[in-house]
């Protein structure tokens, strides 16, 4: 969970630069997906991702 939270924090912190490189829509998609993944991990609903990150 800490890994996904870290990715989300970095994505949000670098949103403007990311939009310059890949476009605002792509950055918004990435942030939305990371927020969803983090919420699902907290709720124990994202089984495959949870299993991968619990091993790391």
N, C-alpha and C. Protein backbone atom coordinates (compact mmCIF):
# COMPACT_ATOMS: atom_id res chain seq x y z
N UNK A 1 0.83 -1.18 0.00
CA UNK A 1 0.00 0.00 0.00
C UNK A 1 0.88 1.25 0.00
N UNK A 2 1.99 1.21 0.71
CA UNK A 2 2.88 2.37 0.77
C UNK A 2 3.43 2.72 -0.61
N UNK A 3 3.67 1.71 -1.43
CA UNK A 3 4.19 1.95 -2.78
C UNK A 3 3.18 2.72 -3.61
N UNK A 4 1.93 2.28 -3.61
CA UNK A 4 0.89 2.96 -4.39
C UNK A 4 0.68 4.36 -3.85
N UNK A 5 0.67 4.52 -2.54
CA UNK A 5 0.52 5.85 -1.93
C UNK A 5 1.66 6.77 -2.37
N UNK A 6 2.88 6.24 -2.40
CA UNK A 6 4.04 7.02 -2.83
C UNK A 6 3.92 7.43 -4.30
N UNK A 7 3.48 6.50 -5.15
CA UNK A 7 3.29 6.82 -6.57
C UNK A 7 2.26 7.92 -6.73
N UNK A 8 1.16 7.83 -5.98
CA UNK A 8 0.11 8.82 -6.06
C UNK A 8 0.62 10.20 -5.62
N UNK A 9 1.34 10.24 -4.53
CA UNK A 9 1.89 11.51 -4.05
C UNK A 9 2.80 12.14 -5.08
N UNK A 10 3.64 11.32 -5.71
CA UNK A 10 4.56 11.83 -6.73
C UNK A 10 3.80 12.28 -7.98
N UNK A 11 2.80 11.52 -8.37
CA UNK A 11 2.00 11.90 -9.54
C UNK A 11 1.31 13.23 -9.32
N UNK A 12 0.76 13.42 -8.12
CA UNK A 12 0.09 14.68 -7.81
C UNK A 12 1.09 15.83 -7.73
N UNK A 13 2.25 15.58 -7.16
CA UNK A 13 3.27 16.62 -7.02
C UNK A 13 3.83 17.07 -8.37
N UNK A 14 3.86 16.15 -9.33
CA UNK A 14 4.45 16.44 -10.64
C UNK A 14 3.41 16.51 -11.75
N UNK A 15 2.19 16.81 -11.37
CA UNK A 15 1.07 16.82 -12.32
C UNK A 15 1.30 17.78 -13.50
N UNK A 16 1.79 18.98 -13.22
CA UNK A 16 1.98 19.98 -14.28
C UNK A 16 3.03 19.49 -15.29
N UNK A 17 4.14 19.01 -14.79
CA UNK A 17 5.21 18.52 -15.70
C UNK A 17 4.72 17.29 -16.46
N UNK A 18 4.00 16.43 -15.78
CA UNK A 18 3.46 15.25 -16.45
C UNK A 18 2.51 15.63 -17.57
N UNK A 19 1.70 16.64 -17.33
CA UNK A 19 0.76 17.11 -18.37
C UNK A 19 1.52 17.65 -19.57
N UNK A 20 2.65 18.30 -19.32
CA UNK A 20 3.47 18.80 -20.43
C UNK A 20 4.02 17.64 -21.26
N UNK A 21 4.37 16.56 -20.59
CA UNK A 21 4.99 15.42 -21.28
C UNK A 21 3.99 14.48 -21.94
N UNK A 22 2.91 14.16 -21.23
CA UNK A 22 1.99 13.14 -21.76
C UNK A 22 0.55 13.62 -21.89
N UNK A 23 0.27 14.82 -21.46
CA UNK A 23 -1.07 15.37 -21.58
C UNK A 23 -1.86 15.29 -20.29
N UNK A 24 -2.70 16.29 -20.08
CA UNK A 24 -3.49 16.37 -18.84
C UNK A 24 -4.43 15.18 -18.69
N UNK A 25 -5.01 14.74 -19.78
CA UNK A 25 -5.95 13.62 -19.71
C UNK A 25 -5.26 12.35 -19.21
N UNK A 26 -4.07 12.08 -19.73
CA UNK A 26 -3.32 10.89 -19.30
C UNK A 26 -2.93 10.99 -17.83
N UNK A 27 -2.51 12.16 -17.40
CA UNK A 27 -2.13 12.35 -15.99
C UNK A 27 -3.35 12.17 -15.10
N UNK A 28 -4.47 12.73 -15.51
CA UNK A 28 -5.71 12.57 -14.73
C UNK A 28 -6.10 11.11 -14.62
N UNK A 29 -5.95 10.36 -15.72
CA UNK A 29 -6.26 8.93 -15.70
C UNK A 29 -5.36 8.19 -14.71
N UNK A 30 -4.08 8.49 -14.75
CA UNK A 30 -3.12 7.83 -13.87
C UNK A 30 -3.46 8.11 -12.41
N UNK A 31 -3.73 9.37 -12.09
CA UNK A 31 -4.04 9.74 -10.71
C UNK A 31 -5.34 9.08 -10.27
N UNK A 32 -6.35 9.08 -11.12
CA UNK A 32 -7.62 8.44 -10.78
C UNK A 32 -7.42 6.94 -10.52
N UNK A 33 -6.65 6.28 -11.38
CA UNK A 33 -6.40 4.85 -11.21
C UNK A 33 -5.63 4.56 -9.93
N UNK A 34 -4.66 5.40 -9.61
CA UNK A 34 -3.89 5.20 -8.38
C UNK A 34 -4.75 5.43 -7.15
N UNK A 35 -5.64 6.43 -7.19
CA UNK A 35 -6.55 6.65 -6.07
C UNK A 35 -7.48 5.46 -5.88
N UNK A 36 -7.96 4.92 -6.98
CA UNK A 36 -8.84 3.75 -6.91
C UNK A 36 -8.09 2.55 -6.36
N UNK A 37 -6.88 2.33 -6.85
CA UNK A 37 -6.06 1.21 -6.37
C UNK A 37 -5.80 1.34 -4.87
N UNK A 38 -5.47 2.54 -4.43
CA UNK A 38 -5.21 2.76 -3.00
C UNK A 38 -6.46 2.50 -2.17
N UNK A 39 -7.59 2.99 -2.63
CA UNK A 39 -8.85 2.75 -1.90
C UNK A 39 -9.16 1.26 -1.84
N UNK A 40 -9.01 0.57 -2.96
CA UNK A 40 -9.28 -0.87 -2.99
C UNK A 40 -8.32 -1.63 -2.08
N UNK A 41 -7.05 -1.22 -2.06
CA UNK A 41 -6.10 -1.87 -1.16
C UNK A 41 -6.50 -1.68 0.29
N UNK A 42 -6.91 -0.47 0.65
CA UNK A 42 -7.34 -0.20 2.03
C UNK A 42 -8.55 -1.05 2.41
N UNK A 43 -9.44 -1.26 1.44
CA UNK A 43 -10.66 -2.03 1.69
C UNK A 43 -10.45 -3.53 1.52
N UNK A 44 -9.25 -3.94 1.09
CA UNK A 44 -8.98 -5.35 0.89
C UNK A 44 -9.65 -5.94 -0.33
N UNK A 45 -10.02 -5.09 -1.30
CA UNK A 45 -10.74 -5.56 -2.49
C UNK A 45 -9.86 -5.73 -3.71
N UNK A 46 -8.62 -5.29 -3.66
CA UNK A 46 -7.76 -5.33 -4.83
C UNK A 46 -6.78 -6.49 -4.66
N UNK A 47 -7.29 -7.69 -4.73
CA UNK A 47 -6.57 -8.89 -4.34
C UNK A 47 -5.27 -9.09 -5.10
N UNK A 48 -5.29 -9.02 -6.43
CA UNK A 48 -4.09 -9.31 -7.21
C UNK A 48 -3.00 -8.29 -6.90
N UNK A 49 -3.34 -7.02 -6.91
CA UNK A 49 -2.35 -5.99 -6.61
C UNK A 49 -1.85 -6.12 -5.19
N UNK A 50 -2.76 -6.39 -4.25
CA UNK A 50 -2.36 -6.54 -2.86
C UNK A 50 -1.37 -7.68 -2.71
N UNK A 51 -1.62 -8.79 -3.39
CA UNK A 51 -0.72 -9.94 -3.29
C UNK A 51 0.66 -9.57 -3.83
N UNK A 52 0.75 -8.83 -4.90
CA UNK A 52 2.02 -8.44 -5.47
C UNK A 52 2.77 -7.53 -4.52
N UNK A 53 2.09 -6.49 -4.00
CA UNK A 53 2.78 -5.53 -3.16
C UNK A 53 3.07 -6.08 -1.76
N UNK A 54 2.31 -7.03 -1.28
CA UNK A 54 2.62 -7.62 0.02
C UNK A 54 3.91 -8.41 -0.03
N UNK A 55 4.26 -8.91 -1.21
CA UNK A 55 5.50 -9.66 -1.38
C UNK A 55 6.70 -8.73 -1.44
N UNK A 56 6.49 -7.48 -1.88
CA UNK A 56 7.61 -6.53 -2.06
C UNK A 56 8.09 -5.97 -0.75
